[in-house]
């Protein structure tokens, strides 16, 4: 284990980093938010839910879905 103290970063280094980030930001594309289509409950077959989980889901407010 080394006891060497790292040199202190200068304020210019942080300003330079922030400038680099500002220049690169336009290159980062944010994908469009995709909302999944709702599926009718009648189309969901073969799903088994443990009783404790079913009670938990049943106790949730409808607006959360």
Protein backbone atom coordinates (compact mmCIF):
# COMPACT_ATOMS: atom_id res chain seq x y z
CA UNK A 1 0.00 0.00 0.00
CA UNK A 2 1.39 3.34 -1.04
CA UNK A 3 1.31 6.41 1.18
CA UNK A 4 1.78 8.75 -1.77
CA UNK A 5 -0.60 11.70 -1.82
CA UNK A 6 -2.10 12.39 -5.22
CA UNK A 7 -1.58 15.88 -6.60
CA UNK A 8 -4.51 18.23 -6.11
CA UNK A 9 -6.68 18.77 -9.19
CA UNK A 10 -6.85 22.34 -10.35
CA UNK A 11 -10.06 24.30 -10.82
CA UNK A 12 -9.15 24.59 -14.48
CA UNK A 13 -9.44 20.80 -14.77
CA UNK A 14 -13.06 20.84 -13.59
CA UNK A 15 -13.95 23.74 -15.86
CA UNK A 16 -12.35 21.93 -18.79
CA UNK A 17 -14.27 18.75 -17.99
CA UNK A 18 -17.57 20.65 -17.82
CA UNK A 19 -16.79 22.30 -21.15
CA UNK A 20 -16.04 18.93 -22.72
CA UNK A 21 -19.36 17.58 -21.43
CA UNK A 22 -21.25 20.59 -22.80
CA UNK A 23 -19.68 20.07 -26.22
CA UNK A 24 -20.50 16.35 -26.25
CA UNK A 25 -24.10 16.65 -24.99
CA UNK A 26 -25.59 17.27 -28.46
CA UNK A 27 -24.04 13.98 -29.63
CA UNK A 28 -25.96 11.93 -27.05
CA UNK A 29 -29.33 10.98 -28.47
CA UNK A 30 -32.17 10.28 -26.06
CA UNK A 31 -34.41 7.54 -27.45
CA UNK A 32 -38.11 8.28 -27.77
CA UNK A 33 -40.12 7.01 -24.85
CA UNK A 34 -42.11 3.95 -25.88
CA UNK A 35 -45.32 3.19 -24.04
CA UNK A 36 -46.17 -0.51 -24.22
CA UNK A 37 -49.62 -1.36 -25.56
CA UNK A 38 -52.08 -2.66 -22.99
CA UNK A 39 -53.19 -6.26 -23.33
CA UNK A 40 -56.75 -7.31 -22.62
CA UNK A 41 -56.89 -9.61 -19.56
CA UNK A 42 -58.75 -12.20 -21.65
CA UNK A 43 -55.64 -12.60 -23.83
CA UNK A 44 -53.38 -13.47 -20.89
CA UNK A 45 -53.40 -17.26 -20.46
CA UNK A 46 -51.33 -19.66 -18.39
CA UNK A 47 -50.06 -17.19 -15.79
CA UNK A 48 -49.85 -18.54 -12.25
CA UNK A 49 -49.61 -16.04 -9.41
CA UNK A 50 -48.90 -17.09 -5.81
CA UNK A 51 -51.78 -16.17 -3.44
CA UNK A 52 -49.67 -13.69 -1.43
CA UNK A 53 -48.67 -11.85 -4.60
CA UNK A 54 -52.24 -11.83 -5.86
CA UNK A 55 -53.40 -10.23 -2.60
CA UNK A 56 -50.65 -7.62 -2.87
CA UNK A 57 -51.57 -6.73 -6.45
CA UNK A 58 -55.28 -6.72 -5.60
CA UNK A 59 -54.64 -4.23 -2.76
CA UNK A 60 -52.91 -1.74 -5.10
CA UNK A 61 -54.78 1.27 -6.36
CA UNK A 62 -55.96 1.01 -9.97
CA UNK A 63 -54.27 4.29 -10.93
CA UNK A 64 -50.87 2.64 -10.53
CA UNK A 65 -51.57 0.39 -13.48
